[in-house]
Amino acid sequence: MASTINAGNTIGSFAKKADGTNALTLQTSVTDALALNTAQNVIFSSTGALSVPSGTTAQRPVSPTNGMLRYNTTIPQLEIYLNGWVALP
């Protein structure tokens, strides 16, 4: 495991422990929820789902960059920015 931030059962309490790997793990209670490794890859430990940002076509980011992903509620579809917004099938 890596450096860990754990949100305790009380508001405002956080516990931090480090193991020297320079990675970061976020926990809920004592269960790993999300890890950010030293290669800056994000690892989700859940079997749930990932919620991506959503909004209408008019609410798209003003200065998008390649690789941005969002759910367009106007079309309604996932879309990615690749030198222009592209709807995903």
PDB file of N, CA and C in Angstrom:
ATOM      1  N   MET A   1       0.837  -1.176   0.000  1.00  0.00           N
ATOM      2  CA  MET A   1       0.000   0.000   0.000  1.00  0.00           C
ATOM      3  C   MET A   1       0.881   1.239   0.000  1.00  0.00           C
ATOM      4  N   ALA A   2       0.286   2.362  -0.226  1.00  0.00           N
ATOM      5  CA  ALA A   2       1.013   3.618  -0.363  1.00  0.00           C
ATOM      6  C   ALA A   2       0.666   4.533   0.797  1.00  0.00           C
ATOM      7  N   SER A   3       0.935   5.824   0.647  1.00  0.00           N
ATOM      8  CA  SER A   3       0.454   6.787   1.619  1.00  0.00           C
ATOM      9  C   SER A   3      -1.068   6.741   1.588  1.00  0.00           C
ATOM     10  N   THR A   4      -1.692   6.791   2.734  1.00  0.00           N
ATOM     11  CA  THR A   4      -3.134   6.624   2.825  1.00  0.00           C
ATOM     12  C   THR A   4      -3.758   7.771   3.579  1.00  0.00           C
ATOM     13  N   ILE A   5      -4.842   8.315   3.038  1.00  0.00           N
ATOM     14  CA  ILE A   5      -5.668   9.277   3.756  1.00  0.00           C
ATOM     15  C   ILE A   5      -6.983   8.578   4.033  1.00  0.00           C
ATOM     16  N   ASN A   6      -7.379   8.541   5.308  1.00  0.00           N
ATOM     17  CA  ASN A   6      -8.588   7.849   5.709  1.00  0.00           C
ATOM     18  C   ASN A   6      -9.519   8.837   6.374  1.00  0.00           C
ATOM     19  N   ALA A   7     -10.744   8.940   5.864  1.00  0.00           N
ATOM     20  CA  ALA A   7     -11.747   9.783   6.494  1.00  0.00           C
ATOM     21  C   ALA A   7     -12.433   8.957   7.568  1.00  0.00           C
ATOM     22  N   GLY A   8     -12.300   9.372   8.803  1.00  0.00           N
ATOM     23  CA  GLY A   8     -12.880   8.632   9.922  1.00  0.00           C
ATOM     24  C   GLY A   8     -14.377   8.819  10.007  1.00  0.00           C
ATOM     25  N   ASN A   9     -14.951   8.280  11.051  1.00  0.00           N
ATOM     26  CA  ASN A   9     -16.395   8.326  11.229  1.00  0.00           C
ATOM     27  C   ASN A   9     -16.895   9.666  11.744  1.00  0.00           C
ATOM     28  N   THR A  10     -16.001  10.556  12.154  1.00  0.00           N
ATOM     29  CA  THR A  10     -16.433  11.850  12.652  1.00  0.00           C
ATOM     30  C   THR A  10     -16.055  12.931  11.662  1.00  0.00           C
ATOM     31  N   ILE A  11     -16.834  13.984  11.608  1.00  0.00           N
ATOM     32  CA  ILE A  11     -16.594  15.077  10.678  1.00  0.00           C
ATOM     33  C   ILE A  11     -15.260  15.754  11.000  1.00  0.00           C
ATOM     34  N   GLY A  12     -14.471  15.956   9.972  1.00  0.00           N
ATOM     35  CA  GLY A  12     -13.209  16.665  10.144  1.00  0.00           C
ATOM     36  C   GLY A  12     -12.052  15.810  10.608  1.00  0.00           C
ATOM     37  N   SER A  13     -12.242  14.502  10.760  1.00  0.00           N
ATOM     38  CA  SER A  13     -11.123  13.678  11.208  1.00  0.00           C
ATOM     39  C   SER A  13     -10.507  12.955  10.025  1.00  0.00           C
ATOM     40  N   PHE A  14      -9.219  13.077   9.897  1.00  0.00           N
ATOM     41  CA  PHE A  14      -8.485  12.389   8.848  1.00  0.00           C
ATOM     42  C   PHE A  14      -7.273  11.743   9.483  1.00  0.00           C
ATOM     43  N   ALA A  15      -6.957  10.543   9.035  1.00  0.00           N
ATOM     44  CA  ALA A  15      -5.751   9.867   9.493  1.00  0.00           C
ATOM     45  C   ALA A  15      -4.857   9.681   8.283  1.00  0.00           C
ATOM     46  N   LYS A  16      -3.559   9.890   8.469  1.00  0.00           N
ATOM     47  CA  LYS A  16      -2.609   9.733   7.360  1.00  0.00           C
ATOM     48  C   LYS A  16      -1.526   8.766   7.787  1.00  0.00           C
ATOM     49  N   LYS A  17      -1.198   7.833   6.898  1.00  0.00           N
ATOM     50  CA  LYS A  17      -0.058   6.966   7.145  1.00  0.00           C
ATOM     51  C   LYS A  17       0.723   6.826   5.851  1.00  0.00           C
ATOM     52  N   ALA A  18       2.012   6.700   5.943  1.00  0.00           N
ATOM     53  CA  ALA A  18       2.861   6.626   4.760  1.00  0.00           C
ATOM     54  C   ALA A  18       3.710   5.373   4.801  1.00  0.00           C
ATOM     55  N   ASP A  19       4.008   4.824   3.620  1.00  0.00           N
ATOM     56  CA  ASP A  19       4.898   3.668   3.553  1.00  0.00           C
ATOM     57  C   ASP A  19       6.121   3.935   2.686  1.00  0.00           C
ATOM     58  N   GLY A  20       6.291   5.181   2.220  1.00  0.00           N
ATOM     59  CA  GLY A  20       7.481   5.550   1.468  1.00  0.00           C
ATOM     60  C   GLY A  20       7.414   5.302  -0.022  1.00  0.00           C
ATOM     61  N   THR A  21       6.274   4.887  -0.570  1.00  0.00           N
ATOM     62  CA  THR A  21       6.201   4.604  -2.003  1.00  0.00           C
ATOM     63  C   THR A  21       5.829   5.827  -2.829  1.00  0.00           C
ATOM     64  N   ASN A  22       5.400   6.907  -2.208  1.00  0.00           N
ATOM     65  CA  ASN A  22       4.978   8.140  -2.871  1.00  0.00           C
ATOM     66  C   ASN A  22       3.711   7.970  -3.700  1.00  0.00           C
ATOM     67  N   ALA A  23       2.954   6.914  -3.471  1.00  0.00           N
ATOM     68  CA  ALA A  23       1.637   6.756  -4.078  1.00  0.00           C
ATOM     69  C   ALA A  23       0.621   7.251  -3.048  1.00  0.00           C
ATOM     70  N   LEU A  24      -0.631   7.409  -3.468  1.00  0.00           N
ATOM     71  CA  LEU A  24      -1.661   7.929  -2.577  1.00  0.00           C
ATOM     72  C   LEU A  24      -2.895   7.051  -2.664  1.00  0.00           C
ATOM     73  N   THR A  25      -3.436   6.661  -1.518  1.00  0.00           N
ATOM     74  CA  THR A  25      -4.661   5.881  -1.461  1.00  0.00           C
ATOM     75  C   THR A  25      -5.673   6.633  -0.610  1.00  0.00           C
ATOM     76  N   LEU A  26      -6.903   6.753  -1.104  1.00  0.00           N
ATOM     77  CA  LEU A  26      -7.989   7.352  -0.344  1.00  0.00           C
ATOM     78  C   LEU A  26      -8.899   6.241   0.136  1.00  0.00           C
ATOM     79  N   GLN A  27      -9.307   6.306   1.399  1.00  0.00           N
ATOM     80  CA  GLN A  27     -10.150   5.279   1.978  1.00  0.00           C
ATOM     81  C   GLN A  27     -11.431   5.894   2.519  1.00  0.00           C
ATOM     82  N   THR A  28     -12.488   5.102   2.507  1.00  0.00           N
ATOM     83  CA  THR A  28     -13.695   5.412   3.254  1.00  0.00           C
ATOM     84  C   THR A  28     -13.748   4.372   4.357  1.00  0.00           C
ATOM     85  N   SER A  29     -13.897   4.814   5.597  1.00  0.00           N
ATOM     86  CA  SER A  29     -13.751   3.938   6.752  1.00  0.00           C
ATOM     87  C   SER A  29     -12.357   3.332   6.662  1.00  0.00           C
ATOM     88  N   VAL A  30     -12.220   2.039   6.510  1.00  0.00           N
ATOM     89  CA  VAL A  30     -10.894   1.420   6.348  1.00  0.00           C
ATOM     90  C   VAL A  30     -10.796   0.681   5.026  1.00  0.00           C
ATOM     91  N   THR A  31     -11.683   0.999   4.091  1.00  0.00           N
ATOM     92  CA  THR A  31     -11.716   0.337   2.796  1.00  0.00           C
ATOM     93  C   THR A  31     -11.108   1.248   1.732  1.00  0.00           C
ATOM     94  N   ASP A  32     -10.158   0.717   0.953  1.00  0.00           N
ATOM     95  CA  ASP A  32      -9.574   1.495  -0.142  1.00  0.00           C
ATOM     96  C   ASP A  32     -10.666   1.876  -1.133  1.00  0.00           C
ATOM     97  N   ALA A  33     -10.712   3.131  -1.515  1.00  0.00           N
ATOM     98  CA  ALA A  33     -11.699   3.608  -2.473  1.00  0.00           C
ATOM     99  C   ALA A  33     -11.043   3.985  -3.793  1.00  0.00           C
ATOM    100  N   LEU A  34      -9.862   4.624  -3.718  1.00  0.00           N
ATOM    101  CA  LEU A  34      -9.213   5.156  -4.900  1.00  0.00           C
ATOM    102  C   LEU A  34      -7.720   5.237  -4.631  1.00  0.00           C
ATOM    103  N   ALA A  35      -6.931   4.900  -5.617  1.00  0.00           N
ATOM    104  CA  ALA A  35      -5.478   5.005  -5.472  1.00  0.00           C
ATOM    105  C   ALA A  35      -4.921   5.781  -6.657  1.00  0.00           C
ATOM    106  N   LEU A  36      -3.900   6.555  -6.387  1.00  0.00           N
ATOM    107  CA  LEU A  36      -3.167   7.290  -7.410  1.00  0.00           C
ATOM    108  C   LEU A  36      -1.724   6.823  -7.291  1.00  0.00           C
ATOM    109  N   ASN A  37      -1.247   6.054  -8.284  1.00  0.00           N
ATOM    110  CA  ASN A  37       0.098   5.509  -8.170  1.00  0.00           C
ATOM    111  C   ASN A  37       1.138   6.494  -8.687  1.00  0.00           C
ATOM    112  N   THR A  38       2.394   6.117  -8.592  1.00  0.00           N
ATOM    113  CA  THR A  38       3.468   7.044  -8.954  1.00  0.00           C
ATOM    114  C   THR A  38       3.526   7.321 -10.453  1.00  0.00           C
ATOM    115  N   ALA A  39       2.866   6.498 -11.273  1.00  0.00           N
ATOM    116  CA  ALA A  39       2.771   6.759 -12.710  1.00  0.00           C
ATOM    117  C   ALA A  39       1.568   7.653 -13.012  1.00  0.00           C
ATOM    118  N   GLN A  40       0.891   8.123 -11.968  1.00  0.00           N
ATOM    119  CA  GLN A  40      -0.293   8.986 -12.041  1.00  0.00           C
ATOM    120  C   GLN A  40      -1.477   8.291 -12.690  1.00  0.00           C
ATOM    121  N   ASN A  41      -1.543   6.970 -12.520  1.00  0.00           N
ATOM    122  CA  ASN A  41      -2.714   6.210 -12.932  1.00  0.00           C
ATOM    123  C   ASN A  41      -3.675   6.146 -11.753  1.00  0.00           C
ATOM    124  N   VAL A  42      -4.964   6.283 -12.029  1.00  0.00           N
ATOM    125  CA  VAL A  42      -5.981   6.223 -10.994  1.00  0.00           C
ATOM    126  C   VAL A  42      -6.576   4.818 -10.998  1.00  0.00           C
ATOM    127  N   ILE A  43      -6.646   4.212  -9.812  1.00  0.00           N
ATOM    128  CA  ILE A  43      -7.178   2.863  -9.671  1.00  0.00           C
ATOM    129  C   ILE A  43      -8.379   2.917  -8.745  1.00  0.00           C
ATOM    130  N   PHE A  44      -9.542   2.498  -9.245  1.00  0.00           N
ATOM    131  CA  PHE A  44     -10.754   2.462  -8.443  1.00  0.00           C
ATOM    132  C   PHE A  44     -10.925   1.057  -7.877  1.00  0.00           C
ATOM    133  N   SER A  45     -11.221   0.957  -6.590  1.00  0.00           N
ATOM    134  CA  SER A  45     -11.383  -0.338  -5.946  1.00  0.00           C
ATOM    135  C   SER A  45     -12.835  -0.776  -5.888  1.00  0.00           C
ATOM    136  N   SER A  46     -13.739   0.047  -6.321  1.00  0.00           N
ATOM    137  CA  SER A  46     -15.169  -0.206  -6.230  1.00  0.00           C
ATOM    138  C   SER A  46     -15.668  -1.103  -7.347  1.00  0.00           C
ATOM    139  N   THR A  47     -16.782  -1.750  -7.090  1.00  0.00           N
ATOM    140  CA  THR A  47     -17.484  -2.484  -8.146  1.00  0.00           C
ATOM    141  C   THR A  47     -18.672  -1.665  -8.631  1.00  0.00           C
ATOM    142  N   GLY A  48     -18.752  -0.413  -8.198  1.00  0.00           N
ATOM    143  CA  GLY A  48     -19.844   0.481  -8.572  1.00  0.00           C
ATOM    144  C   GLY A  48     -19.624   1.083  -9.942  1.00  0.00           C
ATOM    145  N   ALA A  49     -19.794   2.372 -10.051  1.00  0.00           N
ATOM    146  CA  ALA A  49     -19.678   3.056 -11.334  1.00  0.00           C
ATOM    147  C   ALA A  49     -18.976   4.400 -11.137  1.00  0.00           C
ATOM    148  N   LEU A  50     -18.480   4.923 -12.213  1.00  0.00           N
ATOM    149  CA  LEU A  50     -17.824   6.220 -12.230  1.00  0.00           C
ATOM    150  C   LEU A  50     -18.798   7.243 -12.799  1.00  0.00           C
ATOM    151  N   SER A  51     -19.024   8.311 -12.095  1.00  0.00           N
ATOM    152  CA  SER A  51     -19.874   9.391 -12.597  1.00  0.00           C
ATOM    153  C   SER A  51     -18.986  10.434 -13.261  1.00  0.00           C
ATOM    154  N   VAL A  52     -19.237  10.681 -14.537  1.00  0.00           N
ATOM    155  CA  VAL A  52     -18.466  11.679 -15.272  1.00  0.00           C
ATOM    156  C   VAL A  52     -19.223  13.007 -15.241  1.00  0.00           C
ATOM    157  N   PRO A  53     -18.543  14.111 -15.456  1.00  0.00           N
ATOM    158  CA  PRO A  53     -19.233  15.398 -15.508  1.00  0.00           C
ATOM    159  C   PRO A  53     -20.312  15.386 -16.588  1.00  0.00           C
ATOM    160  N   SER A  54     -21.404  16.086 -16.337  1.00  0.00           N
ATOM    161  CA  SER A  54     -22.484  16.123 -17.324  1.00  0.00           C
ATOM    162  C   SER A  54     -23.042  17.534 -17.441  1.00  0.00           C
ATOM    163  N   GLY A  55     -23.637  17.787 -18.581  1.00  0.00           N
ATOM    164  CA  GLY A  55     -24.271  19.076 -18.834  1.00  0.00           C
ATOM    165  C   GLY A  55     -24.712  19.160 -20.277  1.00  0.00           C
ATOM    166  N   THR A  56     -25.341  20.262 -20.614  1.00  0.00           N
ATOM    167  CA  THR A  56     -25.847  20.461 -21.971  1.00  0.00           C
ATOM    168  C   THR A  56     -24.712  20.834 -22.921  1.00  0.00           C
ATOM    169  N   THR A  57     -25.017  20.856 -24.204  1.00  0.00           N
ATOM    170  CA  THR A  57     -24.040  21.293 -25.205  1.00  0.00           C
ATOM    171  C   THR A  57     -23.561  22.711 -24.893  1.00  0.00           C
ATOM    172  N   ALA A  58     -24.462  23.579 -24.465  1.00  0.00           N
ATOM    173  CA  ALA A  58     -24.104  24.967 -24.141  1.00  0.00           C
ATOM    174  C   ALA A  58     -23.190  25.066 -22.920  1.00  0.00           C
ATOM    175  N   GLN A  59     -23.155  24.034 -22.105  1.00  0.00           N
ATOM    176  CA  GLN A  59     -22.347  24.053 -20.887  1.00  0.00           C
ATOM    177  C   GLN A  59     -20.985  23.387 -21.056  1.00  0.00           C
ATOM    178  N   ARG A  60     -20.604  23.062 -22.272  1.00  0.00           N
ATOM    179  CA  ARG A  60     -19.289  22.471 -22.505  1.00  0.00           C
ATOM    180  C   ARG A  60     -18.193  23.400 -21.977  1.00  0.00           C
ATOM    181  N   PRO A  61     -17.033  22.847 -21.596  1.00  0.00           N
ATOM    182  CA  PRO A  61     -15.931  23.694 -21.143  1.00  0.00           C
ATOM    183  C   PRO A  61     -15.558  24.747 -22.188  1.00  0.00           C
ATOM    184  N   VAL A  62     -15.202  25.927 -21.727  1.00  0.00           N
ATOM    185  CA  VAL A  62     -14.862  27.040 -22.610  1.00  0.00           C
ATOM    186  C   VAL A  62     -13.559  26.784 -23.364  1.00  0.00           C
ATOM    187  N   SER A  63     -12.574  26.212 -22.697  1.00  0.00           N
ATOM    188  CA  SER A  63     -11.270  25.931 -23.318  1.00  0.00           C
ATOM    189  C   SER A  63     -10.952  24.439 -23.178  1.00  0.00           C
ATOM    190  N   PRO A  64     -11.623  23.586 -23.964  1.00  0.00           N
ATOM    191  CA  PRO A  64     -11.395  22.149 -23.813  1.00  0.00           C
ATOM    192  C   PRO A  64     -10.018  21.732 -24.326  1.00  0.00           C
ATOM    193  N   THR A  65      -9.547  20.610 -23.799  1.00  0.00           N
ATOM    194  CA  THR A  65      -8.296  20.021 -24.270  1.00  0.00           C
ATOM    195  C   THR A  65      -8.559  18.570 -24.647  1.00  0.00           C
ATOM    196  N   ASN A  66      -7.753  18.051 -25.560  1.00  0.00           N
ATOM    197  CA  ASN A  66      -7.919  16.678 -26.016  1.00  0.00           C
ATOM    198  C   ASN A  66      -7.921  15.708 -24.837  1.00  0.00           C
ATOM    199  N   GLY A  67      -8.883  14.786 -24.876  1.00  0.00           N
ATOM    200  CA  GLY A  67      -8.998  13.772 -23.843  1.00  0.00           C
ATOM    201  C   GLY A  67     -10.094  14.030 -22.829  1.00  0.00           C
ATOM    202  N   MET A  68     -10.666  15.240 -22.831  1.00  0.00           N
ATOM    203  CA  MET A  68     -11.754  15.520 -21.895  1.00  0.00           C
ATOM    204  C   MET A  68     -12.958  14.642 -22.234  1.00  0.00           C
ATOM    205  N   LEU A  69     -13.606  14.118 -21.198  1.00  0.00           N
ATOM    206  CA  LEU A  69     -14.752  13.236 -21.351  1.00  0.00           C
ATOM    207  C   LEU A  69     -15.896  13.779 -20.518  1.00  0.00           C
ATOM    208  N   ARG A  70     -17.107  13.778 -21.078  1.00  0.00           N
ATOM    209  CA  ARG A  70     -18.280  14.256 -20.351  1.00  0.00           C
ATOM    210  C   ARG A  70     -19.528  13.617 -20.925  1.00  0.00           C
ATOM    211  N   TYR A  71     -20.625  13.685 -20.175  1.00  0.00           N
ATOM    212  CA  TYR A  71     -21.920  13.211 -20.656  1.00  0.00           C
ATOM    213  C   TYR A  71     -22.717  14.427 -21.092  1.00  0.00           C
ATOM    214  N   ASN A  72     -23.096  14.450 -22.369  1.00  0.00           N
ATOM    215  CA  ASN A  72     -23.857  15.567 -22.913  1.00  0.00           C
ATOM    216  C   ASN A  72     -25.347  15.250 -22.767  1.00  0.00           C
ATOM    217  N   THR A  73     -26.041  16.005 -21.931  1.00  0.00           N
ATOM    218  CA  THR A  73     -27.459  15.753 -21.679  1.00  0.00           C
ATOM    219  C   THR A  73     -28.348  16.231 -22.823  1.00  0.00           C
ATOM    220  N   THR A  74     -27.819  17.035 -23.731  1.00  0.00           N
ATOM    221  CA  THR A  74     -28.592  17.498 -24.883  1.00  0.00           C
ATOM    222  C   THR A  74     -28.782  16.369 -25.891  1.00  0.00           C
ATOM    223  N   ILE A  75     -27.714  15.567 -26.129  1.00  0.00           N
ATOM    224  CA  ILE A  75     -27.791  14.572 -27.212  1.00  0.00           C
ATOM    225  C   ILE A  75     -28.541  13.279 -26.857  1.00  0.00           C
ATOM    226  N   PRO A  76     -28.668  12.683 -25.823  1.00  0.00           N
ATOM    227  CA  PRO A  76     -27.835  12.424 -24.648  1.00  0.00           C
ATOM    228  C   PRO A  76     -26.843  11.273 -24.902  1.00  0.00           C
ATOM    229  N   GLN A  77     -25.560  11.578 -24.818  1.00  0.00           N
ATOM    230  CA  GLN A  77     -24.488  10.607 -25.050  1.00  0.00           C
ATOM    231  C   GLN A  77     -23.216  11.054 -24.360  1.00  0.00           C
ATOM    232  N   LEU A  78     -22.327  10.078 -24.153  1.00  0.00           N
ATOM    233  CA  LEU A  78     -20.973  10.430 -23.737  1.00  0.00           C
ATOM    234  C   LEU A  78     -20.290  11.101 -24.913  1.00  0.00           C
ATOM    235  N   GLU A  79     -19.413  12.056 -24.616  1.00  0.00           N
ATOM    236  CA  GLU A  79     -18.629  12.682 -25.679  1.00  0.00           C
ATOM    237  C   GLU A  79     -17.218  12.926 -25.181  1.00  0.00           C
ATOM    238  N   ILE A  80     -16.292  12.941 -26.127  1.00  0.00           N
ATOM    239  CA  ILE A  80     -14.888  13.179 -25.818  1.00  0.00           C
ATOM    240  C   ILE A  80     -14.393  14.300 -26.717  1.00  0.00           C
ATOM    241  N   TYR A  81     -13.435  15.080 -26.198  1.00  0.00           N
ATOM    242  CA  TYR A  81     -12.872  16.158 -27.014  1.00  0.00           C
ATOM    243  C   TYR A  81     -11.606  15.654 -27.686  1.00  0.00           C
ATOM    244  N   LEU A  82     -11.611  15.633 -29.025  1.00  0.00           N
ATOM    245  CA  LEU A  82     -10.453  15.262 -29.844  1.00  0.00           C
ATOM    246  C   LEU A  82     -10.340  16.278 -30.965  1.00  0.00           C
ATOM    247  N   ASN A  83      -9.820  17.449 -30.663  1.00  0.00           N
ATOM    248  CA  ASN A  83      -9.768  18.573 -31.603  1.00  0.00           C
ATOM    249  C   ASN A  83     -11.177  18.969 -32.038  1.00  0.00           C
ATOM    250  N   GLY A  84     -12.148  18.692 -31.232  1.00  0.00           N
ATOM    251  CA  GLY A  84     -13.564  18.952 -31.450  1.00  0.00           C
ATOM    252  C   GLY A  84     -14.351  17.914 -30.666  1.00  0.00           C
ATOM    253  N   TRP A  85     -15.576  18.216 -30.283  1.00  0.00           N
ATOM    254  CA  TRP A  85     -16.378  17.285 -29.501  1.00  0.00           C
ATOM    255  C   TRP A  85     -16.899  16.170 -30.386  1.00  0.00           C
ATOM    256  N   VAL A  86     -16.709  14.927 -29.955  1.00  0.00           N
ATOM    257  CA  VAL A  86     -17.115  13.738 -30.689  1.00  0.00           C
ATOM    258  C   VAL A  86     -17.999  12.900 -29.779  1.00  0.00           C
ATOM    259  N   ALA A  87     -19.223  12.570 -30.254  1.00  0.00           N
ATOM    260  CA  ALA A  87     -20.111  11.698 -29.477  1.00  0.00           C
ATOM    261  C   ALA A  87     -19.607  10.271 -29.569  1.00  0.00           C
ATOM    262  N   LEU A  88     -19.627   9.572 -28.433  1.00  0.00           N
ATOM    263  CA  LEU A  88     -19.228   8.169 -28.416  1.00  0.00           C
ATOM    264  C   LEU A  88     -20.447   7.287 -28.658  1.00  0.00           C
ATOM    265  N   PRO A  89     -20.289   6.234 -29.438  1.00  0.00           N
ATOM    266  CA  PRO A  89     -21.441   5.372 -29.727  1.00  0.00           C
ATOM    267  C   PRO A  89     -21.898   4.607 -28.493  1.00  0.00           C
TER     268      PRO A  89
END
